[in-house]
Amino acid sequence: MLERCGKENIENYGDNKLIVNFPFIEDEFGYNILLGFGDKCECLEPAHVREEVIRRIKNMLNVYRS
């Protein structure tokens, strides 16, 4: 996170958690970066990005349910 976001964009949240202002471009590459964090990351906002991440996770889950 430090390399990608810079120290000024990382805030300690307690219990080994961080809040990070993540520089993000809404394209395939950007969403792949977010999804690459797996369950170690939760997108809090903006709402439309969070909803798109959820949609993509559901699509991935459907691949494995088929």
PDB file of N, CA and C in Angstrom:
ATOM      1  N   MET A   1       0.813  -1.194   0.000  1.00  0.00           N
ATOM      2  CA  MET A   1       0.000   0.000   0.000  1.00  0.00           C
ATOM      3  C   MET A   1       0.853   1.252   0.000  1.00  0.00           C
ATOM      4  N   LEU A   2       1.915   1.212   0.770  1.00  0.00           N
ATOM      5  CA  LEU A   2       2.776   2.379   0.879  1.00  0.00           C
ATOM      6  C   LEU A   2       3.326   2.787  -0.480  1.00  0.00           C
ATOM      7  N   GLU A   3       3.776   1.813  -1.258  1.00  0.00           N
ATOM      8  CA  GLU A   3       4.344   2.089  -2.578  1.00  0.00           C
ATOM      9  C   GLU A   3       3.288   2.613  -3.544  1.00  0.00           C
ATOM     10  N   ARG A   4       2.101   2.049  -3.479  1.00  0.00           N
ATOM     11  CA  ARG A   4       1.056   2.388  -4.437  1.00  0.00           C
ATOM     12  C   ARG A   4       0.342   3.691  -4.092  1.00  0.00           C
ATOM     13  N   CYS A   5       0.185   3.992  -2.791  1.00  0.00           N
ATOM     14  CA  CYS A   5      -0.653   5.117  -2.377  1.00  0.00           C
ATOM     15  C   CYS A   5       0.103   6.259  -1.730  1.00  0.00           C
ATOM     16  N   GLY A   6       1.251   5.989  -1.144  1.00  0.00           N
ATOM     17  CA  GLY A   6       1.992   7.013  -0.419  1.00  0.00           C
ATOM     18  C   GLY A   6       1.523   7.106   1.029  1.00  0.00           C
ATOM     19  N   LYS A   7       2.459   7.386   1.909  1.00  0.00           N
ATOM     20  CA  LYS A   7       2.181   7.431   3.348  1.00  0.00           C
ATOM     21  C   LYS A   7       1.080   8.425   3.705  1.00  0.00           C
ATOM     22  N   GLU A   8       1.007   9.538   2.988  1.00  0.00           N
ATOM     23  CA  GLU A   8       0.015  10.575   3.285  1.00  0.00           C
ATOM     24  C   GLU A   8      -1.422  10.128   3.029  1.00  0.00           C
ATOM     25  N   ASN A   9      -1.610   9.032   2.299  1.00  0.00           N
ATOM     26  CA  ASN A   9      -2.948   8.526   1.977  1.00  0.00           C
ATOM     27  C   ASN A   9      -3.344   7.313   2.808  1.00  0.00           C
ATOM     28  N   ILE A  10      -2.555   6.990   3.831  1.00  0.00           N
ATOM     29  CA  ILE A  10      -2.819   5.818   4.662  1.00  0.00           C
ATOM     30  C   ILE A  10      -3.035   6.259   6.101  1.00  0.00           C
ATOM     31  N   GLU A  11      -4.138   5.799   6.666  1.00  0.00           N
ATOM     32  CA  GLU A  11      -4.498   6.156   8.042  1.00  0.00           C
ATOM     33  C   GLU A  11      -4.704   4.877   8.847  1.00  0.00           C
ATOM     34  N   ASN A  12      -4.103   4.790  10.016  1.00  0.00           N
ATOM     35  CA  ASN A  12      -4.270   3.639  10.880  1.00  0.00           C
ATOM     36  C   ASN A  12      -5.693   3.635  11.428  1.00  0.00           C
ATOM     37  N   TYR A  13      -6.353   2.477  11.364  1.00  0.00           N
ATOM     38  CA  TYR A  13      -7.737   2.360  11.798  1.00  0.00           C
ATOM     39  C   TYR A  13      -7.875   1.463  13.028  1.00  0.00           C
ATOM     40  N   GLY A  14      -6.766   0.889  13.495  1.00  0.00           N
ATOM     41  CA  GLY A  14      -6.784   0.009  14.659  1.00  0.00           C
ATOM     42  C   GLY A  14      -6.971  -1.440  14.275  1.00  0.00           C
ATOM     43  N   ASP A  15      -6.646  -2.331  15.206  1.00  0.00           N
ATOM     44  CA  ASP A  15      -6.765  -3.784  14.982  1.00  0.00           C
ATOM     45  C   ASP A  15      -6.129  -4.226  13.667  1.00  0.00           C
ATOM     46  N   ASN A  16      -4.948  -3.717  13.384  1.00  0.00           N
ATOM     47  CA  ASN A  16      -4.223  -4.058  12.151  1.00  0.00           C
ATOM     48  C   ASN A  16      -5.007  -3.723  10.893  1.00  0.00           C
ATOM     49  N   LYS A  17      -5.816  -2.674  10.939  1.00  0.00           N
ATOM     50  CA  LYS A  17      -6.578  -2.228   9.776  1.00  0.00           C
ATOM     51  C   LYS A  17      -6.134  -0.836   9.379  1.00  0.00           C
ATOM     52  N   LEU A  18      -6.280  -0.555   8.102  1.00  0.00           N
ATOM     53  CA  LEU A  18      -5.919   0.747   7.556  1.00  0.00           C
ATOM     54  C   LEU A  18      -7.077   1.292   6.735  1.00  0.00           C
ATOM     55  N   ILE A  19      -7.173   2.596   6.680  1.00  0.00           N
ATOM     56  CA  ILE A  19      -8.050   3.251   5.704  1.00  0.00           C
ATOM     57  C   ILE A  19      -7.115   3.911   4.710  1.00  0.00           C
ATOM     58  N   VAL A  20      -7.322   3.592   3.444  1.00  0.00           N
ATOM     59  CA  VAL A  20      -6.412   4.053   2.401  1.00  0.00           C
ATOM     60  C   VAL A  20      -7.190   4.813   1.346  1.00  0.00           C
ATOM     61  N   ASN A  21      -6.705   5.991   1.002  1.00  0.00           N
ATOM     62  CA  ASN A  21      -7.221   6.733  -0.137  1.00  0.00           C
ATOM     63  C   ASN A  21      -6.459   6.196  -1.346  1.00  0.00           C
ATOM     64  N   PHE A  22      -7.102   5.276  -2.055  1.00  0.00           N
ATOM     65  CA  PHE A  22      -6.455   4.520  -3.127  1.00  0.00           C
ATOM     66  C   PHE A  22      -6.664   5.222  -4.465  1.00  0.00           C
ATOM     67  N   PRO A  23      -5.579   5.591  -5.145  1.00  0.00           N
ATOM     68  CA  PRO A  23      -5.730   6.206  -6.473  1.00  0.00           C
ATOM     69  C   PRO A  23      -6.269   5.162  -7.443  1.00  0.00           C
ATOM     70  N   PHE A  24      -7.407   5.441  -8.026  1.00  0.00           N
ATOM     71  CA  PHE A  24      -8.125   4.415  -8.790  1.00  0.00           C
ATOM     72  C   PHE A  24      -8.679   5.001 -10.075  1.00  0.00           C
ATOM     73  N   ILE A  25      -8.438   4.290 -11.154  1.00  0.00           N
ATOM     74  CA  ILE A  25      -9.024   4.642 -12.446  1.00  0.00           C
ATOM     75  C   ILE A  25     -10.036   3.554 -12.767  1.00  0.00           C
ATOM     76  N   GLU A  26     -11.258   3.960 -13.065  1.00  0.00           N
ATOM     77  CA  GLU A  26     -12.336   3.002 -13.317  1.00  0.00           C
ATOM     78  C   GLU A  26     -12.197   2.376 -14.698  1.00  0.00           C
ATOM     79  N   ASP A  27     -11.334   1.370 -14.770  1.00  0.00           N
ATOM     80  CA  ASP A  27     -11.192   0.582 -15.975  1.00  0.00           C
ATOM     81  C   ASP A  27     -10.892  -0.854 -15.549  1.00  0.00           C
ATOM     82  N   GLU A  28     -10.734  -1.742 -16.509  1.00  0.00           N
ATOM     83  CA  GLU A  28     -10.488  -3.155 -16.188  1.00  0.00           C
ATOM     84  C   GLU A  28      -9.269  -3.324 -15.297  1.00  0.00           C
ATOM     85  N   PHE A  29      -8.208  -2.609 -15.601  1.00  0.00           N
ATOM     86  CA  PHE A  29      -6.984  -2.705 -14.820  1.00  0.00           C
ATOM     87  C   PHE A  29      -7.228  -2.279 -13.379  1.00  0.00           C
ATOM     88  N   GLY A  30      -7.925  -1.169 -13.191  1.00  0.00           N
ATOM     89  CA  GLY A  30      -8.217  -0.670 -11.848  1.00  0.00           C
ATOM     90  C   GLY A  30      -9.042  -1.646 -11.035  1.00  0.00           C
ATOM     91  N   TYR A  31     -10.088  -2.188 -11.649  1.00  0.00           N
ATOM     92  CA  TYR A  31     -10.915  -3.164 -10.933  1.00  0.00           C
ATOM     93  C   TYR A  31     -10.131  -4.453 -10.657  1.00  0.00           C
ATOM     94  N   ASN A  32      -9.279  -4.851 -11.560  1.00  0.00           N
ATOM     95  CA  ASN A  32      -8.455  -6.042 -11.315  1.00  0.00           C
ATOM     96  C   ASN A  32      -7.506  -5.832 -10.144  1.00  0.00           C
ATOM     97  N   ILE A  33      -6.991  -4.622  -9.991  1.00  0.00           N
ATOM     98  CA  ILE A  33      -6.137  -4.325  -8.831  1.00  0.00           C
ATOM     99  C   ILE A  33      -6.946  -4.476  -7.543  1.00  0.00           C
ATOM    100  N   LEU A  34      -8.124  -3.848  -7.506  1.00  0.00           N
ATOM    101  CA  LEU A  34      -8.965  -3.950  -6.309  1.00  0.00           C
ATOM    102  C   LEU A  34      -9.323  -5.393  -5.989  1.00  0.00           C
ATOM    103  N   LEU A  35      -9.730  -6.144  -7.004  1.00  0.00           N
ATOM    104  CA  LEU A  35     -10.108  -7.541  -6.784  1.00  0.00           C
ATOM    105  C   LEU A  35      -8.912  -8.390  -6.388  1.00  0.00           C
ATOM    106  N   GLY A  36      -7.724  -7.983  -6.804  1.00  0.00           N
ATOM    107  CA  GLY A  36      -6.506  -8.711  -6.467  1.00  0.00           C
ATOM    108  C   GLY A  36      -6.185  -8.687  -4.982  1.00  0.00           C
ATOM    109  N   PHE A  37      -6.731  -7.729  -4.255  1.00  0.00           N
ATOM    110  CA  PHE A  37      -6.527  -7.696  -2.807  1.00  0.00           C
ATOM    111  C   PHE A  37      -7.360  -8.746  -2.100  1.00  0.00           C
ATOM    112  N   GLY A  38      -8.318  -9.324  -2.814  1.00  0.00           N
ATOM    113  CA  GLY A  38      -9.150 -10.382  -2.251  1.00  0.00           C
ATOM    114  C   GLY A  38      -9.877  -9.937  -0.999  1.00  0.00           C
ATOM    115  N   ASP A  39      -9.869 -10.800   0.003  1.00  0.00           N
ATOM    116  CA  ASP A  39     -10.582 -10.490   1.242  1.00  0.00           C
ATOM    117  C   ASP A  39      -9.755  -9.651   2.210  1.00  0.00           C
ATOM    118  N   LYS A  40      -8.630  -9.143   1.736  1.00  0.00           N
ATOM    119  CA  LYS A  40      -7.774  -8.269   2.556  1.00  0.00           C
ATOM    120  C   LYS A  40      -8.115  -6.800   2.359  1.00  0.00           C
ATOM    121  N   CYS A  41      -9.141  -6.534   1.574  1.00  0.00           N
ATOM    122  CA  CYS A  41      -9.495  -5.159   1.231  1.00  0.00           C
ATOM    123  C   CYS A  41     -11.003  -5.052   1.088  1.00  0.00           C
ATOM    124  N   GLU A  42     -11.556  -3.936   1.528  1.00  0.00           N
ATOM    125  CA  GLU A  42     -12.972  -3.649   1.307  1.00  0.00           C
ATOM    126  C   GLU A  42     -13.077  -2.239   0.740  1.00  0.00           C
ATOM    127  N   CYS A  43     -13.733  -2.124  -0.384  1.00  0.00           N
ATOM    128  CA  CYS A  43     -13.982  -0.818  -0.983  1.00  0.00           C
ATOM    129  C   CYS A  43     -15.154  -0.181  -0.246  1.00  0.00           C
ATOM    130  N   LEU A  44     -14.914   0.951   0.394  1.00  0.00           N
ATOM    131  CA  LEU A  44     -15.963   1.621   1.160  1.00  0.00           C
ATOM    132  C   LEU A  44     -16.732   2.639   0.327  1.00  0.00           C
ATOM    133  N   GLU A  45     -16.034   3.334  -0.542  1.00  0.00           N
ATOM    134  CA  GLU A  45     -16.670   4.354  -1.370  1.00  0.00           C
ATOM    135  C   GLU A  45     -15.772   4.687  -2.540  1.00  0.00           C
ATOM    136  N   PRO A  46     -16.291   5.278  -3.578  1.00  0.00           N
ATOM    137  CA  PRO A  46     -17.661   5.713  -3.779  1.00  0.00           C
ATOM    138  C   PRO A  46     -18.599   4.516  -3.988  1.00  0.00           C
ATOM    139  N   ALA A  47     -19.869   4.737  -3.733  1.00  0.00           N
ATOM    140  CA  ALA A  47     -20.866   3.662  -3.757  1.00  0.00           C
ATOM    141  C   ALA A  47     -20.906   2.942  -5.102  1.00  0.00           C
ATOM    142  N   HIS A  48     -20.797   3.675  -6.202  1.00  0.00           N
ATOM    143  CA  HIS A  48     -20.902   3.020  -7.512  1.00  0.00           C
ATOM    144  C   HIS A  48     -19.702   2.098  -7.773  1.00  0.00           C
ATOM    145  N   VAL A  49     -18.534   2.420  -7.243  1.00  0.00           N
ATOM    146  CA  VAL A  49     -17.368   1.538  -7.392  1.00  0.00           C
ATOM    147  C   VAL A  49     -17.566   0.304  -6.519  1.00  0.00           C
ATOM    148  N   ARG A  50     -18.029   0.504  -5.289  1.00  0.00           N
ATOM    149  CA  ARG A  50     -18.316  -0.620  -4.402  1.00  0.00           C
ATOM    150  C   ARG A  50     -19.321  -1.569  -5.047  1.00  0.00           C
ATOM    151  N   GLU A  51     -20.389  -1.024  -5.633  1.00  0.00           N
ATOM    152  CA  GLU A  51     -21.408  -1.847  -6.291  1.00  0.00           C
ATOM    153  C   GLU A  51     -20.833  -2.614  -7.479  1.00  0.00           C
ATOM    154  N   GLU A  52     -19.935  -1.985  -8.227  1.00  0.00           N
ATOM    155  CA  GLU A  52     -19.308  -2.663  -9.364  1.00  0.00           C
ATOM    156  C   GLU A  52     -18.396  -3.790  -8.885  1.00  0.00           C
ATOM    157  N   VAL A  53     -17.678  -3.570  -7.794  1.00  0.00           N
ATOM    158  CA  VAL A  53     -16.831  -4.625  -7.223  1.00  0.00           C
ATOM    159  C   VAL A  53     -17.707  -5.804  -6.801  1.00  0.00           C
ATOM    160  N   ILE A  54     -18.812  -5.521  -6.139  1.00  0.00           N
ATOM    161  CA  ILE A  54     -19.741  -6.582  -5.722  1.00  0.00           C
ATOM    162  C   ILE A  54     -20.268  -7.341  -6.932  1.00  0.00           C
ATOM    163  N   ARG A  55     -20.635  -6.614  -7.986  1.00  0.00           N
ATOM    164  CA  ARG A  55     -21.150  -7.257  -9.206  1.00  0.00           C
ATOM    165  C   ARG A  55     -20.114  -8.192  -9.803  1.00  0.00           C
ATOM    166  N   ARG A  56     -18.872  -7.747  -9.848  1.00  0.00           N
ATOM    167  CA  ARG A  56     -17.807  -8.566 -10.421  1.00  0.00           C
ATOM    168  C   ARG A  56     -17.521  -9.796  -9.563  1.00  0.00           C
ATOM    169  N   ILE A  57     -17.588  -9.646  -8.248  1.00  0.00           N
ATOM    170  CA  ILE A  57     -17.394 -10.795  -7.359  1.00  0.00           C
ATOM    171  C   ILE A  57     -18.507 -11.815  -7.571  1.00  0.00           C
ATOM    172  N   LYS A  58     -19.744 -11.346  -7.691  1.00  0.00           N
ATOM    173  CA  LYS A  58     -20.870 -12.256  -7.946  1.00  0.00           C
ATOM    174  C   LYS A  58     -20.688 -12.987  -9.269  1.00  0.00           C
ATOM    175  N   ASN A  59     -20.222 -12.285 -10.294  1.00  0.00           N
ATOM    176  CA  ASN A  59     -19.965 -12.928 -11.590  1.00  0.00           C
ATOM    177  C   ASN A  59     -18.897 -14.009 -11.465  1.00  0.00           C
ATOM    178  N   MET A  60     -17.856 -13.728 -10.686  1.00  0.00           N
ATOM    179  CA  MET A  60     -16.803 -14.737 -10.480  1.00  0.00           C
ATOM    180  C   MET A  60     -17.370 -15.938  -9.754  1.00  0.00           C
ATOM    181  N   LEU A  61     -18.192 -15.714  -8.750  1.00  0.00           N
ATOM    182  CA  LEU A  61     -18.798 -16.795  -7.998  1.00  0.00           C
ATOM    183  C   LEU A  61     -19.662 -17.672  -8.903  1.00  0.00           C
ATOM    184  N   ASN A  62     -20.394 -17.045  -9.812  1.00  0.00           N
ATOM    185  CA  ASN A  62     -21.241 -17.804 -10.742  1.00  0.00           C
ATOM    186  C   ASN A  62     -20.419 -18.730 -11.624  1.00  0.00           C
ATOM    187  N   VAL A  63     -19.207 -18.343 -11.965  1.00  0.00           N
ATOM    188  CA  VAL A  63     -18.337 -19.212 -12.769  1.00  0.00           C
ATOM    189  C   VAL A  63     -18.068 -20.515 -12.029  1.00  0.00           C
ATOM    190  N   TYR A  64     -17.853 -20.425 -10.729  1.00  0.00           N
ATOM    191  CA  TYR A  64     -17.517 -21.606  -9.937  1.00  0.00           C
ATOM    192  C   TYR A  64     -18.738 -22.401  -9.520  1.00  0.00           C
ATOM    193  N   ARG A  65     -19.898 -21.804  -9.554  1.00  0.00           N
ATOM    194  CA  ARG A  65     -21.131 -22.530  -9.238  1.00  0.00           C
ATOM    195  C   ARG A  65     -21.633 -23.342 -10.420  1.00  0.00           C
ATOM    196  N   SER A  66     -21.252 -22.968 -11.616  1.00  0.00           N
ATOM    197  CA  SER A  66     -21.749 -23.650 -12.838  1.00  0.00           C
ATOM    198  C   SER A  66     -21.190 -25.051 -12.956  1.00  0.00           C
TER     199      SER A  66
END
